[in-house]
């Protein structure tokens, strides 16, 4: 079981990475954001601590992707394969 866990969703669209819904127990609360209709990929990014003394573990999971792999590849090439998020830097 985690001491704390934050989840931030990001959606890759023709405009770039867009912030989606958030849920967390440290930063507080929950924020629901409508999913863009033109998204091609959704990644859920996590910041998890197992104890008050442990370092944060940053990881992500693809939670949805379009069947249009060519469009995903083109947008990832343009905007990077991960959004800017906490411990992440955009990676091309």
PDB file of N, CA and C in Angstrom:
ATOM      1  N   UNK A   1       0.830  -1.184   0.000  1.00  0.00           N
ATOM      2  CA  UNK A   1       0.000   0.000   0.000  1.00  0.00           C
ATOM      3  C   UNK A   1       0.875   1.247   0.000  1.00  0.00           C
ATOM      4  N   UNK A   2       0.427   2.281  -0.669  1.00  0.00           N
ATOM      5  CA  UNK A   2       1.180   3.524  -0.802  1.00  0.00           C
ATOM      6  C   UNK A   2       0.902   4.474   0.352  1.00  0.00           C
ATOM      7  N   UNK A   3       1.907   5.261   0.664  1.00  0.00           N
ATOM      8  CA  UNK A   3       1.722   6.361   1.602  1.00  0.00           C
ATOM      9  C   UNK A   3       0.974   7.492   0.902  1.00  0.00           C
ATOM     10  N   UNK A   4       1.373   7.759  -0.336  1.00  0.00           N
ATOM     11  CA  UNK A   4       0.675   8.761  -1.144  1.00  0.00           C
ATOM     12  C   UNK A   4       0.764   8.392  -2.612  1.00  0.00           C
ATOM     13  N   UNK A   5      -0.245   8.833  -3.357  1.00  0.00           N
ATOM     14  CA  UNK A   5      -0.263   8.535  -4.788  1.00  0.00           C
ATOM     15  C   UNK A   5      -1.026   9.644  -5.502  1.00  0.00           C
ATOM     16  N   UNK A   6      -0.370  10.240  -6.491  1.00  0.00           N
ATOM     17  CA  UNK A   6      -0.974  11.269  -7.325  1.00  0.00           C
ATOM     18  C   UNK A   6      -1.047  10.735  -8.747  1.00  0.00           C
ATOM     19  N   UNK A   7      -2.128  11.054  -9.451  1.00  0.00           N
ATOM     20  CA  UNK A   7      -2.264  10.650 -10.854  1.00  0.00           C
ATOM     21  C   UNK A   7      -2.706  11.850 -11.670  1.00  0.00           C
ATOM     22  N   UNK A   8      -1.949  12.133 -12.723  1.00  0.00           N
ATOM     23  CA  UNK A   8      -2.289  13.207 -13.649  1.00  0.00           C
ATOM     24  C   UNK A   8      -2.386  12.602 -15.032  1.00  0.00           C
ATOM     25  N   UNK A   9      -3.521  12.814 -15.702  1.00  0.00           N
ATOM     26  CA  UNK A   9      -3.693  12.329 -17.066  1.00  0.00           C
ATOM     27  C   UNK A   9      -3.272  13.401 -18.059  1.00  0.00           C
ATOM     28  N   UNK A  10      -2.691  12.960 -19.162  1.00  0.00           N
ATOM     29  CA  UNK A  10      -2.322  13.844 -20.265  1.00  0.00           C
ATOM     30  C   UNK A  10      -2.804  13.220 -21.563  1.00  0.00           C
ATOM     31  N   UNK A  11      -3.275  14.065 -22.467  1.00  0.00           N
ATOM     32  CA  UNK A  11      -3.794  13.619 -23.756  1.00  0.00           C
ATOM     33  C   UNK A  11      -2.963  14.252 -24.873  1.00  0.00           C
ATOM     34  N   UNK A  12      -2.510  13.433 -25.808  1.00  0.00           N
ATOM     35  CA  UNK A  12      -1.788  13.937 -26.969  1.00  0.00           C
ATOM     36  C   UNK A  12      -2.804  14.276 -28.050  1.00  0.00           C
ATOM     37  N   UNK A  13      -2.792  15.533 -28.484  1.00  0.00           N
ATOM     38  CA  UNK A  13      -3.725  16.040 -29.497  1.00  0.00           C
ATOM     39  C   UNK A  13      -2.919  16.741 -30.586  1.00  0.00           C
ATOM     40  N   UNK A  14      -3.564  17.170 -31.658  1.00  0.00           N
ATOM     41  CA  UNK A  14      -2.854  17.937 -32.690  1.00  0.00           C
ATOM     42  C   UNK A  14      -2.264  19.260 -32.159  1.00  0.00           C
ATOM     43  N   UNK A  15      -2.687  19.711 -30.987  1.00  0.00           N
ATOM     44  CA  UNK A  15      -2.160  20.935 -30.366  1.00  0.00           C
ATOM     45  C   UNK A  15      -1.002  20.643 -29.418  1.00  0.00           C
ATOM     46  N   UNK A  16      -0.727  19.366 -29.199  1.00  0.00           N
ATOM     47  CA  UNK A  16       0.326  18.966 -28.261  1.00  0.00           C
ATOM     48  C   UNK A  16      -0.273  18.234 -27.076  1.00  0.00           C
ATOM     49  N   UNK A  17       0.531  18.090 -26.017  1.00  0.00           N
ATOM     50  CA  UNK A  17       0.077  17.421 -24.804  1.00  0.00           C
ATOM     51  C   UNK A  17      -0.833  18.356 -24.025  1.00  0.00           C
ATOM     52  N   UNK A  18      -2.013  17.858 -23.651  1.00  0.00           N
ATOM     53  CA  UNK A  18      -2.977  18.641 -22.883  1.00  0.00           C
ATOM     54  C   UNK A  18      -3.238  17.955 -21.548  1.00  0.00           C
ATOM     55  N   UNK A  19      -3.267  18.773 -20.498  1.00  0.00           N
ATOM     56  CA  UNK A  19      -3.510  18.261 -19.161  1.00  0.00           C
ATOM     57  C   UNK A  19      -4.946  17.770 -19.037  1.00  0.00           C
ATOM     58  N   UNK A  20      -5.091  16.605 -18.428  1.00  0.00           N
ATOM     59  CA  UNK A  20      -6.413  16.033 -18.217  1.00  0.00           C
ATOM     60  C   UNK A  20      -6.759  15.989 -16.739  1.00  0.00           C
ATOM     61  N   UNK A  21      -7.507  14.998 -16.358  1.00  0.00           N
ATOM     62  CA  UNK A  21      -7.978  14.857 -14.984  1.00  0.00           C
ATOM     63  C   UNK A  21      -6.824  14.578 -14.024  1.00  0.00           C
ATOM     64  N   UNK A  22      -7.056  14.936 -12.755  1.00  0.00           N
ATOM     65  CA  UNK A  22      -6.076  14.760 -11.692  1.00  0.00           C
ATOM     66  C   UNK A  22      -6.762  14.126 -10.494  1.00  0.00           C
ATOM     67  N   UNK A  23      -6.034  13.251  -9.818  1.00  0.00           N
ATOM     68  CA  UNK A  23      -6.520  12.698  -8.559  1.00  0.00           C
ATOM     69  C   UNK A  23      -5.326  12.480  -7.649  1.00  0.00           C
ATOM     70  N   UNK A  24      -5.426  12.959  -6.424  1.00  0.00           N
ATOM     71  CA  UNK A  24      -4.305  12.796  -5.510  1.00  0.00           C
ATOM     72  C   UNK A  24      -4.709  12.956  -4.070  1.00  0.00           C
ATOM     73  N   UNK A  25      -3.844  12.447  -3.214  1.00  0.00           N
ATOM     74  CA  UNK A  25      -4.130  12.543  -1.795  1.00  0.00           C
ATOM     75  C   UNK A  25      -3.214  13.520  -1.063  1.00  0.00           C
ATOM     76  N   UNK A  26      -2.127  13.959  -1.692  1.00  0.00           N
ATOM     77  CA  UNK A  26      -1.234  14.921  -1.046  1.00  0.00           C
ATOM     78  C   UNK A  26      -1.538  16.337  -1.525  1.00  0.00           C
ATOM     79  N   UNK A  27      -1.506  16.535  -2.834  1.00  0.00           N
ATOM     80  CA  UNK A  27      -1.832  17.856  -3.366  1.00  0.00           C
ATOM     81  C   UNK A  27      -3.315  18.143  -3.191  1.00  0.00           C
ATOM     82  N   UNK A  28      -4.044  17.134  -2.930  1.00  0.00           N
ATOM     83  CA  UNK A  28      -5.441  17.293  -2.547  1.00  0.00           C
ATOM     84  C   UNK A  28      -6.422  17.170  -3.681  1.00  0.00           C
ATOM     85  N   UNK A  29      -7.419  16.405  -3.410  1.00  0.00           N
ATOM     86  CA  UNK A  29      -8.600  16.395  -4.224  1.00  0.00           C
ATOM     87  C   UNK A  29      -8.550  15.699  -5.553  1.00  0.00           C
ATOM     88  N   UNK A  30      -9.500  16.152  -6.328  1.00  0.00           N
ATOM     89  CA  UNK A  30      -9.741  15.545  -7.624  1.00  0.00           C
ATOM     90  C   UNK A  30     -10.216  16.635  -8.565  1.00  0.00           C
ATOM     91  N   UNK A  31      -9.717  16.592  -9.787  1.00  0.00           N
ATOM     92  CA  UNK A  31     -10.154  17.545 -10.799  1.00  0.00           C
ATOM     93  C   UNK A  31     -10.499  16.751 -12.042  1.00  0.00           C
ATOM     94  N   UNK A  32     -11.757  16.811 -12.450  1.00  0.00           N
ATOM     95  CA  UNK A  32     -12.186  16.131 -13.663  1.00  0.00           C
ATOM     96  C   UNK A  32     -12.135  17.096 -14.837  1.00  0.00           C
ATOM     97  N   UNK A  33     -11.510  16.661 -15.907  1.00  0.00           N
ATOM     98  CA  UNK A  33     -11.368  17.464 -17.119  1.00  0.00           C
ATOM     99  C   UNK A  33     -11.932  16.650 -18.282  1.00  0.00           C
ATOM    100  N   UNK A  34     -12.708  17.292 -19.118  1.00  0.00           N
ATOM    101  CA  UNK A  34     -13.254  16.609 -20.288  1.00  0.00           C
ATOM    102  C   UNK A  34     -12.122  16.129 -21.197  1.00  0.00           C
ATOM    103  N   UNK A  35     -12.292  14.938 -21.742  1.00  0.00           N
ATOM    104  CA  UNK A  35     -11.296  14.358 -22.643  1.00  0.00           C
ATOM    105  C   UNK A  35     -11.458  15.010 -24.015  1.00  0.00           C
ATOM    106  N   UNK A  36     -10.344  15.513 -24.601  1.00  0.00           N
ATOM    107  CA  UNK A  36     -10.441  16.106 -25.942  1.00  0.00           C
ATOM    108  C   UNK A  36     -10.901  15.072 -26.970  1.00  0.00           C
ATOM    109  N   UNK A  37     -11.815  15.479 -27.826  1.00  0.00           N
ATOM    110  CA  UNK A  37     -12.357  14.528 -28.809  1.00  0.00           C
ATOM    111  C   UNK A  37     -11.330  14.153 -29.888  1.00  0.00           C
ATOM    112  N   UNK A  38     -10.294  14.980 -30.043  1.00  0.00           N
ATOM    113  CA  UNK A  38      -9.298  14.706 -31.073  1.00  0.00           C
ATOM    114  C   UNK A  38      -8.007  14.109 -30.513  1.00  0.00           C
ATOM    115  N   UNK A  39      -8.059  13.551 -29.315  1.00  0.00           N
ATOM    116  CA  UNK A  39      -6.858  12.936 -28.735  1.00  0.00           C
ATOM    117  C   UNK A  39      -6.480  11.701 -29.546  1.00  0.00           C
ATOM    118  N   UNK A  40      -5.194  11.379 -29.523  1.00  0.00           N
ATOM    119  CA  UNK A  40      -4.731  10.154 -30.161  1.00  0.00           C
ATOM    120  C   UNK A  40      -4.070   9.218 -29.152  1.00  0.00           C
ATOM    121  N   UNK A  41      -3.755   9.758 -27.965  1.00  0.00           N
ATOM    122  CA  UNK A  41      -3.060   8.974 -26.949  1.00  0.00           C
ATOM    123  C   UNK A  41      -3.351   9.592 -25.585  1.00  0.00           C
ATOM    124  N   UNK A  42      -3.551   8.751 -24.583  1.00  0.00           N
ATOM    125  CA  UNK A  42      -3.705   9.229 -23.203  1.00  0.00           C
ATOM    126  C   UNK A  42      -2.720   8.472 -22.327  1.00  0.00           C
ATOM    127  N   UNK A  43      -1.982   9.246 -21.519  1.00  0.00           N
ATOM    128  CA  UNK A  43      -1.026   8.684 -20.571  1.00  0.00           C
ATOM    129  C   UNK A  43      -1.432   9.133 -19.173  1.00  0.00           C
ATOM    130  N   UNK A  44      -1.447   8.193 -18.234  1.00  0.00           N
ATOM    131  CA  UNK A  44      -1.643   8.515 -16.825  1.00  0.00           C
ATOM    132  C   UNK A  44      -0.274   8.499 -16.167  1.00  0.00           C
ATOM    133  N   UNK A  45       0.107   9.631 -15.570  1.00  0.00           N
ATOM    134  CA  UNK A  45       1.406   9.782 -14.925  1.00  0.00           C
ATOM    135  C   UNK A  45       1.213   9.728 -13.410  1.00  0.00           C
ATOM    136  N   UNK A  46       2.064   8.976 -12.741  1.00  0.00           N
ATOM    137  CA  UNK A  46       1.926   8.753 -11.314  1.00  0.00           C
ATOM    138  C   UNK A  46       3.152   9.250 -10.552  1.00  0.00           C
ATOM    139  N   UNK A  47       2.904   9.746  -9.350  1.00  0.00           N
ATOM    140  CA  UNK A  47       3.938  10.082  -8.382  1.00  0.00           C
ATOM    141  C   UNK A  47       3.523   9.350  -7.109  1.00  0.00           C
ATOM    142  N   UNK A  48       4.298   8.345  -6.748  1.00  0.00           N
ATOM    143  CA  UNK A  48       3.913   7.493  -5.622  1.00  0.00           C
ATOM    144  C   UNK A  48       5.040   7.412  -4.602  1.00  0.00           C
ATOM    145  N   UNK A  49       4.673   7.469  -3.328  1.00  0.00           N
ATOM    146  CA  UNK A  49       5.620   7.288  -2.227  1.00  0.00           C
ATOM    147  C   UNK A  49       5.112   6.155  -1.362  1.00  0.00           C
ATOM    148  N   UNK A  50       6.017   5.263  -0.968  1.00  0.00           N
ATOM    149  CA  UNK A  50       5.606   4.137  -0.145  1.00  0.00           C
ATOM    150  C   UNK A  50       5.626   4.463   1.343  1.00  0.00           C
ATOM    151  N   UNK A  51       6.350   5.516   1.726  1.00  0.00           N
ATOM    152  CA  UNK A  51       6.387   5.947   3.128  1.00  0.00           C
ATOM    153  C   UNK A  51       6.722   7.438   3.154  1.00  0.00           C
ATOM    154  N   UNK A  52       6.545   8.085   4.305  1.00  0.00           N
ATOM    155  CA  UNK A  52       6.881   9.512   4.377  1.00  0.00           C
ATOM    156  C   UNK A  52       8.368   9.785   4.151  1.00  0.00           C
ATOM    157  N   UNK A  53       9.195   8.751   4.261  1.00  0.00           N
ATOM    158  CA  UNK A  53      10.650   8.913   4.147  1.00  0.00           C
ATOM    159  C   UNK A  53      11.210   8.451   2.811  1.00  0.00           C
ATOM    160  N   UNK A  54      10.382   7.864   1.988  1.00  0.00           N
ATOM    161  CA  UNK A  54      10.860   7.348   0.705  1.00  0.00           C
ATOM    162  C   UNK A  54      10.851   8.446  -0.353  1.00  0.00           C
ATOM    163  N   UNK A  55      11.644   8.224  -1.381  1.00  0.00           N
ATOM    164  CA  UNK A  55      11.646   9.145  -2.513  1.00  0.00           C
ATOM    165  C   UNK A  55      10.463   8.831  -3.418  1.00  0.00           C
ATOM    166  N   UNK A  56      10.043   9.831  -4.162  1.00  0.00           N
ATOM    167  CA  UNK A  56       8.942   9.637  -5.095  1.00  0.00           C
ATOM    168  C   UNK A  56       9.357   8.696  -6.219  1.00  0.00           C
ATOM    169  N   UNK A  57       8.417   7.859  -6.627  1.00  0.00           N
ATOM    170  CA  UNK A  57       8.598   6.999  -7.797  1.00  0.00           C
ATOM    171  C   UNK A  57       7.703   7.575  -8.886  1.00  0.00           C
ATOM    172  N   UNK A  58       8.304   7.960  -9.990  1.00  0.00           N
ATOM    173  CA  UNK A  58       7.553   8.499 -11.117  1.00  0.00           C
ATOM    174  C   UNK A  58       7.422   7.409 -12.170  1.00  0.00           C
ATOM    175  N   UNK A  59       6.208   7.178 -12.621  1.00  0.00           N
ATOM    176  CA  UNK A  59       5.992   6.214 -13.699  1.00  0.00           C
ATOM    177  C   UNK A  59       4.720   6.594 -14.440  1.00  0.00           C
ATOM    178  N   UNK A  60       4.552   6.011 -15.593  1.00  0.00           N
ATOM    179  CA  UNK A  60       3.362   6.303 -16.388  1.00  0.00           C
ATOM    180  C   UNK A  60       2.856   5.047 -17.067  1.00  0.00           C
ATOM    181  N   UNK A  61       1.604   5.158 -17.497  1.00  0.00           N
ATOM    182  CA  UNK A  61       0.967   4.063 -18.221  1.00  0.00           C
ATOM    183  C   UNK A  61       0.125   4.638 -19.344  1.00  0.00           C
ATOM    184  N   UNK A  62       0.200   4.013 -20.494  1.00  0.00           N
ATOM    185  CA  UNK A  62      -0.706   4.376 -21.577  1.00  0.00           C
ATOM    186  C   UNK A  62      -2.062   3.785 -21.221  1.00  0.00           C
ATOM    187  N   UNK A  63      -3.070   4.646 -21.140  1.00  0.00           N
ATOM    188  CA  UNK A  63      -4.399   4.174 -20.749  1.00  0.00           C
ATOM    189  C   UNK A  63      -5.383   4.164 -21.914  1.00  0.00           C
ATOM    190  N   UNK A  64      -4.999   4.801 -23.018  1.00  0.00           N
ATOM    191  CA  UNK A  64      -5.832   4.764 -24.226  1.00  0.00           C
ATOM    192  C   UNK A  64      -4.984   5.179 -25.413  1.00  0.00           C
ATOM    193  N   UNK A  65      -5.201   4.533 -26.555  1.00  0.00           N
ATOM    194  CA  UNK A  65      -4.539   4.968 -27.789  1.00  0.00           C
ATOM    195  C   UNK A  65      -5.427   4.700 -28.988  1.00  0.00           C
ATOM    196  N   UNK A  66      -5.309   5.582 -29.950  1.00  0.00           N
ATOM    197  CA  UNK A  66      -6.068   5.503 -31.191  1.00  0.00           C
ATOM    198  C   UNK A  66      -5.572   4.323 -32.028  1.00  0.00           C
ATOM    199  N   UNK A  67      -6.416   3.875 -32.937  1.00  0.00           N
ATOM    200  CA  UNK A  67      -6.000   2.849 -33.894  1.00  0.00           C
ATOM    201  C   UNK A  67      -5.121   3.434 -34.997  1.00  0.00           C
ATOM    202  N   UNK A  68      -5.089   4.780 -35.110  1.00  0.00           N
ATOM    203  CA  UNK A  68      -4.323   5.458 -36.159  1.00  0.00           C
ATOM    204  C   UNK A  68      -2.863   5.630 -35.712  1.00  0.00           C
ATOM    205  N   UNK A  69      -2.079   4.574 -35.878  1.00  0.00           N
ATOM    206  CA  UNK A  69      -0.680   4.572 -35.424  1.00  0.00           C
ATOM    207  C   UNK A  69       0.165   5.617 -36.150  1.00  0.00           C
ATOM    208  N   UNK A  70      -0.124   5.883 -37.407  1.00  0.00           N
ATOM    209  CA  UNK A  70       0.641   6.889 -38.157  1.00  0.00           C
ATOM    210  C   UNK A  70       0.443   8.272 -37.551  1.00  0.00           C
ATOM    211  N   UNK A  71      -0.777   8.583 -37.148  1.00  0.00           N
ATOM    212  CA  UNK A  71      -1.051   9.880 -36.535  1.00  0.00           C
ATOM    213  C   UNK A  71      -0.380   9.986 -35.167  1.00  0.00           C
ATOM    214  N   UNK A  72      -0.423   8.921 -34.388  1.00  0.00           N
ATOM    215  CA  UNK A  72       0.270   8.910 -33.094  1.00  0.00           C
ATOM    216  C   UNK A  72       1.753   9.161 -33.305  1.00  0.00           C
ATOM    217  N   UNK A  73       2.365   8.422 -34.241  1.00  0.00           N
ATOM    218  CA  UNK A  73       3.802   8.575 -34.505  1.00  0.00           C
ATOM    219  C   UNK A  73       4.145   9.997 -34.924  1.00  0.00           C
ATOM    220  N   UNK A  74       3.321  10.601 -35.786  1.00  0.00           N
ATOM    221  CA  UNK A  74       3.586  11.962 -36.257  1.00  0.00           C
ATOM    222  C   UNK A  74       3.517  12.966 -35.100  1.00  0.00           C
ATOM    223  N   UNK A  75       2.524  12.823 -34.234  1.00  0.00           N
ATOM    224  CA  UNK A  75       2.379  13.760 -33.112  1.00  0.00           C
ATOM    225  C   UNK A  75       3.443  13.533 -32.035  1.00  0.00           C
ATOM    226  N   UNK A  76       3.821  12.280 -31.812  1.00  0.00           N
ATOM    227  CA  UNK A  76       4.913  12.000 -30.871  1.00  0.00           C
ATOM    228  C   UNK A  76       6.213  12.589 -31.410  1.00  0.00           C
ATOM    229  N   UNK A  77       6.438  12.474 -32.709  1.00  0.00           N
ATOM    230  CA  UNK A  77       7.628  13.057 -33.319  1.00  0.00           C
ATOM    231  C   UNK A  77       7.641  14.579 -33.152  1.00  0.00           C
ATOM    232  N   UNK A  78       6.488  15.197 -33.241  1.00  0.00           N
ATOM    233  CA  UNK A  78       6.386  16.652 -33.132  1.00  0.00           C
ATOM    234  C   UNK A  78       6.446  17.142 -31.678  1.00  0.00           C
ATOM    235  N   UNK A  79       5.770  16.445 -30.753  1.00  0.00           N
ATOM    236  CA  UNK A  79       5.608  16.962 -29.390  1.00  0.00           C
ATOM    237  C   UNK A  79       6.318  16.149 -28.309  1.00  0.00           C
ATOM    238  N   UNK A  80       6.931  15.028 -28.670  1.00  0.00           N
ATOM    239  CA  UNK A  80       7.608  14.186 -27.688  1.00  0.00           C
ATOM    240  C   UNK A  80       6.710  13.066 -27.215  1.00  0.00           C
ATOM    241  N   UNK A  81       7.349  12.014 -26.670  1.00  0.00           N
ATOM    242  CA  UNK A  81       6.565  10.851 -26.275  1.00  0.00           C
ATOM    243  C   UNK A  81       6.062  10.893 -24.845  1.00  0.00           C
ATOM    244  N   UNK A  82       6.428  11.943 -24.111  1.00  0.00           N
ATOM    245  CA  UNK A  82       5.904  12.135 -22.765  1.00  0.00           C
ATOM    246  C   UNK A  82       5.644  13.619 -22.548  1.00  0.00           C
ATOM    247  N   UNK A  83       4.627  13.925 -21.764  1.00  0.00           N
ATOM    248  CA  UNK A  83       4.360  15.323 -21.443  1.00  0.00           C
ATOM    249  C   UNK A  83       5.357  15.843 -20.414  1.00  0.00           C
ATOM    250  N   UNK A  84       5.435  17.155 -20.269  1.00  0.00           N
ATOM    251  CA  UNK A  84       6.194  17.732 -19.167  1.00  0.00           C
ATOM    252  C   UNK A  84       5.372  17.509 -17.904  1.00  0.00           C
ATOM    253  N   UNK A  85       5.954  16.834 -16.928  1.00  0.00           N
ATOM    254  CA  UNK A  85       5.208  16.483 -15.729  1.00  0.00           C
ATOM    255  C   UNK A  85       6.165  16.210 -14.588  1.00  0.00           C
ATOM    256  N   UNK A  86       5.956  16.801 -13.448  1.00  0.00           N
ATOM    257  CA  UNK A  86       6.764  16.650 -12.240  1.00  0.00           C
ATOM    258  C   UNK A  86       8.214  16.308 -12.569  1.00  0.00           C
ATOM    259  N   UNK A  87       8.603  15.056 -12.371  1.00  0.00           N
ATOM    260  CA  UNK A  87       9.982  14.632 -12.567  1.00  0.00           C
ATOM    261  C   UNK A  87      10.352  14.357 -14.007  1.00  0.00           C
ATOM    262  N   UNK A  88       9.396  14.473 -14.920  1.00  0.00           N
ATOM    263  CA  UNK A  88       9.682  14.180 -16.314  1.00  0.00           C
ATOM    264  C   UNK A  88      10.116  15.427 -17.060  1.00  0.00           C
ATOM    265  N   UNK A  89      10.905  15.220 -18.057  1.00  0.00           N
ATOM    266  CA  UNK A  89      11.167  16.232 -19.053  1.00  0.00           C
ATOM    267  C   UNK A  89      10.672  15.651 -20.361  1.00  0.00           C
ATOM    268  N   UNK A  90      10.204  16.502 -21.233  1.00  0.00           N
ATOM    269  CA  UNK A  90       9.705  15.998 -22.517  1.00  0.00           C
ATOM    270  C   UNK A  90      10.844  15.284 -23.234  1.00  0.00           C
ATOM    271  N   UNK A  91      10.563  14.101 -23.717  1.00  0.00           N
ATOM    272  CA  UNK A  91      11.564  13.288 -24.406  1.00  0.00           C
ATOM    273  C   UNK A  91      11.139  13.149 -25.850  1.00  0.00           C
ATOM    274  N   UNK A  92      12.050  13.459 -26.768  1.00  0.00           N
ATOM    275  CA  UNK A  92      11.729  13.296 -28.197  1.00  0.00           C
ATOM    276  C   UNK A  92      12.345  12.034 -28.714  1.00  0.00           C
TER     277      UNK A  92
END
